[in-house]
Amino acid sequence: MTYRRANFPAGTFGLSAAILLPLALATGCTPTAERECLYQVSTLGALVEGVYDGNLAVGELKKHGDLGLGTFEAMDGEMVMLDGRVYRVGADGKAEEVADEETTPFATVTFFEADHTGSLEGPFDLAHLEEMLDKVLPTKNIPYAVKVEGTFARVKTRSIPRQTKPYPRLAAVATKQTIFEFENVRGTLVGFRCPQYAKGLNLPGWHLHFLTADRTAGGHVLELVTEKVRFAIDYTPAIRVALPTGGAFWEANLAGDKSADLERAEK
């Protein structure tokens, strides 16, 4: 495995309220159904507006899933949850497991149980990989969790450094991101595919984070080229969104279409 780092310059409150969106399960996220549920902390629209105060502890997050992604208090790095363990990929590109006391302002997790598995012989770039995954979905109208494991010819990721108050909006923060490039690397992609109607709540389409096989590096995926990989997809036909009960979330302007801001932040 070879690894290169490149810097690309600019261009607390309780959480108890929840909204439940039962998409296909009439019971929603009941204790027995929660394993088939996408559990989300806050909304991506709030993150776009600079709501970075951590509002749920990592230890509590683990009660709702064993695979997922997100970020940490003050946008301090990229979160990767894999096999029930939570890692922070910091602005130096290094992945470290975090303590249960750490908090998150935004995260999406689920208990991963594969409903469909397969393998792909590359090379496939990110767009082609997403297209191939789309082809095996029974519908595009529910969320899915995904895990892709194997060898990658190239992976380009990013992380965002910890911010200070007053917090800037996400589009501005993303211009300060640090870029990492991996070549001939083994690792795992974890993430979700949300329907188009989830706009504002979460990211429509695929959202992927990467963790190397030795769990020492990774980040938010920007580009990749697969070699030989295996994938597993978990159908998650219910969404539970836990919303902050005050603080910056209550003061933020969450109206309007955030698509343009998200597009700039995802580059």
Protein backbone atom coordinates (compact mmCIF):
# COMPACT_ATOMS: atom_id res chain seq x y z
CA MET A 1 0.00 0.00 0.00
CA THR A 2 1.22 3.46 -0.83
CA TYR A 3 -0.19 6.58 0.75
CA ARG A 4 0.11 10.22 -0.20
CA ARG A 5 -1.18 13.28 1.60
CA ALA A 6 -2.01 16.53 -0.13
CA ASN A 7 -3.45 19.74 1.34
CA PHE A 8 -5.95 21.60 -0.79
CA PRO A 9 -6.37 25.18 0.48
CA ALA A 10 -9.50 27.31 0.44
CA GLY A 11 -11.20 27.67 -2.50
CA THR A 12 -24.69 21.18 24.00
CA PHE A 13 -27.73 20.29 24.85
CA GLY A 14 -29.88 17.28 25.44
CA LEU A 15 -31.27 15.15 22.65
CA SER A 16 -34.50 13.37 23.31
CA ALA A 17 -36.99 14.39 20.65
CA ALA A 18 -37.36 12.01 17.74
CA ILE A 19 -39.41 11.76 14.58
CA LEU A 20 -40.19 8.35 13.19
CA LEU A 21 -40.63 7.75 9.48
CA PRO A 22 -41.96 4.21 8.96
CA LEU A 23 -41.41 3.58 5.24
CA ALA A 24 -42.26 -0.08 4.91
CA LEU A 25 -42.46 -1.34 8.48
CA ALA A 26 -45.80 -0.46 9.99
CA THR A 27 -44.26 -0.70 13.44
CA GLY A 28 -41.39 1.69 12.66
CA CYS A 29 -38.30 1.37 14.90
CA THR A 30 -39.71 -0.67 17.74
CA PRO A 31 -37.15 -2.52 19.89
CA THR A 32 -37.52 -5.66 17.73
CA ALA A 33 -37.59 -3.76 14.43
CA GLU A 34 -34.71 -1.38 15.16
CA ARG A 35 -32.21 -3.74 13.55
CA GLU A 36 -33.95 -2.95 10.24
CA CYS A 37 -33.94 0.79 10.95
CA LEU A 38 -31.71 3.66 9.89
CA TYR A 39 -31.07 5.73 13.02
CA GLN A 40 -30.00 9.31 12.45
CA VAL A 41 -28.79 12.09 14.75
CA SER A 42 -30.04 15.54 13.66
CA THR A 43 -30.27 16.41 9.94
CA LEU A 44 -27.80 17.05 7.15
CA GLY A 45 -29.55 20.36 6.52
CA ALA A 46 -28.58 21.48 10.01
CA LEU A 47 -24.97 20.47 9.39
CA VAL A 48 -24.99 22.56 6.19
CA GLU A 49 -26.00 25.57 8.30
CA GLY A 50 -23.10 25.10 10.73
CA VAL A 51 -24.87 23.31 13.58
CA TYR A 52 -21.81 21.40 14.84
CA ASP A 53 -22.53 21.12 18.58
CA GLY A 54 -22.34 17.49 19.64
CA ASN A 55 -25.69 16.33 20.97
CA LEU A 56 -25.39 12.57 21.38
CA ALA A 57 -22.60 10.54 22.97
CA VAL A 58 -20.86 7.86 20.93
CA GLY A 59 -21.69 5.33 23.63
CA GLU A 60 -25.39 6.05 23.15
CA LEU A 61 -25.01 5.96 19.35
CA LYS A 62 -23.67 2.40 19.59
CA LYS A 63 -26.99 1.33 21.08
CA HIS A 64 -28.62 2.07 17.72
CA GLY A 65 -26.20 0.47 15.27
CA ASP A 66 -22.89 -1.19 14.52
CA LEU A 67 -22.17 0.35 11.09
CA GLY A 68 -22.38 3.97 10.07
CA LEU A 69 -20.84 7.34 9.40
CA GLY A 70 -21.00 10.95 10.52
CA THR A 71 -18.80 13.51 12.23
CA PHE A 72 -17.92 14.71 15.72
CA GLU A 73 -18.32 17.78 17.96
CA ALA A 74 -17.12 20.90 16.10
CA MET A 75 -16.80 18.93 12.82
CA ASP A 76 -13.66 17.32 14.22
CA GLY A 77 -12.96 14.72 11.54
CA GLU A 78 -14.89 11.99 9.72
CA MET A 79 -16.68 9.21 11.58
CA VAL A 80 -16.52 5.60 10.46
CA MET A 81 -18.41 2.98 12.47
CA LEU A 82 -17.50 -0.61 11.59
CA ASP A 83 -18.27 -3.78 13.54
CA GLY A 84 -19.59 -1.68 16.41
CA ARG A 85 -16.38 0.32 16.83
CA VAL A 86 -16.28 4.06 16.12
CA TYR A 87 -13.24 5.69 14.50
CA ARG A 88 -12.32 9.30 13.85
CA VAL A 89 -10.31 10.07 10.73
CA GLY A 90 -8.68 13.36 11.69
CA ALA A 91 -7.24 16.16 9.61
CA ASP A 92 -3.92 14.27 9.59
CA GLY A 93 -5.59 11.31 7.85
CA LYS A 94 -5.06 8.95 10.77
CA ALA A 95 -7.92 6.84 12.08
CA GLU A 96 -8.25 6.35 15.83
CA GLU A 97 -10.96 4.69 17.87
CA VAL A 98 -12.85 7.23 19.96
CA ALA A 99 -14.10 7.08 23.53
CA ASP A 100 -17.79 6.61 24.28
CA GLU A 101 -17.86 10.09 25.85
CA GLU A 102 -17.17 11.79 22.49
CA THR A 103 -20.25 13.43 20.97
CA THR A 104 -21.67 13.81 17.48
CA PRO A 105 -23.77 16.56 15.85
CA PHE A 106 -24.71 14.30 12.91
CA ALA A 107 -24.48 10.57 12.33
CA THR A 108 -26.32 7.78 10.53
CA VAL A 109 -26.09 4.19 11.80
CA THR A 110 -27.82 0.83 11.61
CA PHE A 111 -27.39 -2.74 12.80
CA PHE A 112 -25.95 -4.23 9.64
CA GLU A 113 -27.49 -7.50 8.46
CA ALA A 114 -26.94 -8.27 4.79
CA ASP A 115 -30.01 -8.81 2.61
CA HIS A 116 -28.06 -9.03 -0.65
CA THR A 117 -24.41 -9.90 -1.32
CA GLY A 118 -22.23 -10.10 -4.40
CA SER A 119 -18.80 -9.47 -5.87
CA LEU A 120 -17.42 -7.14 -8.51
CA GLU A 121 -14.31 -7.50 -10.66
CA GLY A 122 -12.95 -4.02 -11.39
CA PRO A 123 -11.78 -1.63 -12.36
CA PHE A 124 -14.81 0.50 -11.50
CA ASP A 125 -14.70 4.18 -10.62
CA LEU A 126 -17.03 5.61 -7.97
CA ALA A 127 -19.84 6.47 -10.40
CA HIS A 128 -19.70 3.00 -11.97
CA LEU A 129 -19.62 1.29 -8.56
CA GLU A 130 -22.70 3.23 -7.46
CA GLU A 131 -24.41 2.35 -10.75
CA MET A 132 -23.66 -1.35 -10.25
CA LEU A 133 -24.99 -1.25 -6.70
CA ASP A 134 -28.14 0.55 -7.88
CA LYS A 135 -28.84 -2.29 -10.32
CA VAL A 136 -29.32 -4.87 -7.56
CA LEU A 137 -31.69 -2.77 -5.44
CA PRO A 138 -35.32 -3.94 -5.40
CA THR A 139 -36.53 -0.30 -5.16
CA LYS A 140 -34.97 3.14 -4.91
CA ASN A 141 -37.65 4.32 -2.50
CA ILE A 142 -36.20 3.04 0.79
CA PRO A 143 -32.80 3.63 2.42
CA TYR A 144 -30.00 1.06 2.27
CA ALA A 145 -26.80 0.46 4.19
CA VAL A 146 -23.79 -0.91 2.31
CA LYS A 147 -20.43 -2.46 3.09
CA VAL A 148 -17.84 -2.97 0.32
CA GLU A 149 -14.66 -4.86 1.19
CA GLY A 150 -11.62 -5.75 -0.86
CA THR A 151 -8.80 -4.22 -2.86
CA PHE A 152 -8.86 -0.73 -4.32
CA ALA A 153 -6.46 0.53 -6.95
CA ARG A 154 -7.06 4.06 -5.71
CA VAL A 155 -9.13 5.82 -3.06
CA LYS A 156 -9.29 9.59 -2.61
CA THR A 157 -10.73 10.75 0.71
CA ARG A 158 -11.02 13.89 2.77
CA SER A 159 -11.31 15.02 6.35
CA ILE A 160 -12.20 18.38 7.85
CA PRO A 161 -10.28 19.92 10.76
CA ARG A 162 -11.96 20.86 14.04
CA GLN A 163 -13.80 24.17 13.85
CA THR A 164 -14.12 26.98 16.38
CA LYS A 165 -17.11 29.17 17.17
CA PRO A 166 -18.76 31.00 15.59
CA TYR A 167 -19.01 28.01 13.27
CA PRO A 168 -18.93 28.69 9.51
CA ARG A 169 -21.39 26.98 7.18
CA LEU A 170 -20.42 23.61 5.74
CA ALA A 171 -19.60 24.89 2.26
CA ALA A 172 -16.98 27.22 3.73
CA VAL A 173 -15.60 24.53 6.02
CA ALA A 174 -15.19 22.10 3.12
CA THR A 175 -12.75 24.47 1.41
CA LYS A 176 -10.37 23.80 4.31
CA GLN A 177 -10.53 20.03 3.89
CA THR A 178 -7.42 17.87 3.77
CA ILE A 179 -7.18 15.36 0.91
CA PHE A 180 -5.66 11.88 1.17
CA GLU A 181 -4.90 9.47 -1.63
CA PHE A 182 -4.37 5.72 -1.24
CA GLU A 183 -3.05 3.34 -3.90
CA ASN A 184 -3.25 -0.45 -3.98
CA VAL A 185 -4.99 -0.55 -0.63
CA ARG A 186 -7.24 -3.06 1.09
CA GLY A 187 -10.09 -1.67 3.10
CA THR A 188 -13.82 -1.24 3.62
CA LEU A 189 -16.37 1.26 2.37
CA VAL A 190 -19.32 1.84 4.68
CA GLY A 191 -22.29 4.03 3.97
CA PHE A 192 -25.87 4.55 2.95
CA ARG A 193 -28.09 5.22 0.00
CA CYS A 194 -31.06 7.49 0.74
CA PRO A 195 -34.02 8.18 -1.58
CA GLN A 196 -34.37 11.51 -3.34
CA TYR A 197 -37.22 12.53 -1.05
CA ALA A 198 -34.77 12.49 1.88
CA LYS A 199 -33.24 15.75 0.64
CA GLY A 200 -32.58 18.06 3.58
CA LEU A 201 -32.85 15.19 6.03
CA ASN A 202 -29.92 13.20 4.64
CA LEU A 203 -27.89 13.00 1.43
CA PRO A 204 -29.88 11.60 -1.50
CA GLY A 205 -27.95 8.86 -3.29
CA TRP A 206 -24.83 7.13 -2.00
CA HIS A 207 -22.72 8.52 0.87
CA LEU A 208 -19.57 6.51 1.63
CA HIS A 209 -16.69 6.63 4.11
CA PHE A 210 -13.53 4.50 3.90
CA LEU A 211 -11.39 2.68 6.44
CA THR A 212 -8.19 0.84 5.60
CA ALA A 213 -7.97 -2.87 6.48
CA ASP A 214 -5.58 -2.11 9.34
CA ARG A 215 -7.99 0.63 10.52
CA THR A 216 -5.31 3.31 10.63
CA ALA A 217 -6.56 5.72 7.92
CA GLY A 218 -9.56 6.58 5.77
CA GLY A 219 -12.06 9.41 5.37
CA HIS A 220 -15.04 10.65 3.40
CA VAL A 221 -14.88 9.16 -0.10
CA LEU A 222 -14.42 11.57 -3.01
CA GLU A 223 -13.09 9.25 -5.73
CA LEU A 224 -12.06 5.62 -6.06
CA VAL A 225 -11.14 2.81 -8.42
CA THR A 226 -12.00 -0.71 -7.29
CA GLU A 227 -10.17 -3.88 -8.15
CA LYS A 228 -11.78 -7.04 -6.71
CA VAL A 229 -14.39 -6.34 -4.03
CA ARG A 230 -17.30 -7.99 -2.29
CA PHE A 231 -20.37 -6.01 -1.33
CA ALA A 232 -23.24 -6.51 1.09
CA ILE A 233 -26.43 -4.43 1.17
CA ASP A 234 -28.83 -4.14 4.09
CA TYR A 235 -32.40 -2.98 3.43
CA THR A 236 -33.42 -0.45 6.11
CA PRO A 237 -37.10 0.32 5.48
CA ALA A 238 -37.59 2.67 8.41
CA ILE A 239 -35.89 5.88 9.56
CA ARG A 240 -35.70 7.27 13.06
CA VAL A 241 -34.40 10.82 13.38
CA ALA A 242 -33.42 12.08 16.83
CA LEU A 243 -33.58 15.88 16.90
CA PRO A 244 -31.86 18.27 19.35
CA THR A 245 -34.22 19.80 21.88
CA GLY A 246 -32.72 23.27 21.77
CA GLY A 247 -29.49 25.16 21.15
CA ALA A 248 -28.22 26.13 17.71
CA PHE A 249 -30.51 23.63 16.01
CA TRP A 250 -33.57 25.53 17.14
CA GLU A 251 -32.12 28.83 15.95
CA ALA A 252 -30.87 27.64 12.53
CA ASN A 253 -32.66 28.47 9.29
CA LEU A 254 -33.38 25.01 7.91
CA ALA A 255 -35.79 26.16 5.20
CA GLY A 256 -34.97 26.09 1.52
CA ASP A 257 -33.06 23.79 -0.80
CA LYS A 258 -29.55 22.94 0.46
CA SER A 259 -28.55 21.02 -2.69
CA ALA A 260 -26.09 23.59 -4.03
CA ASP A 261 -24.34 23.86 -0.67
CA LEU A 262 -24.13 20.07 -0.39
CA GLU A 263 -22.74 19.76 -3.90
CA ARG A 264 -19.93 22.21 -3.05
CA ALA A 265 -19.23 20.44 0.22
CA GLU A 266 -19.06 16.99 -1.39
CA LYS A 267 -16.37 17.92 -3.94
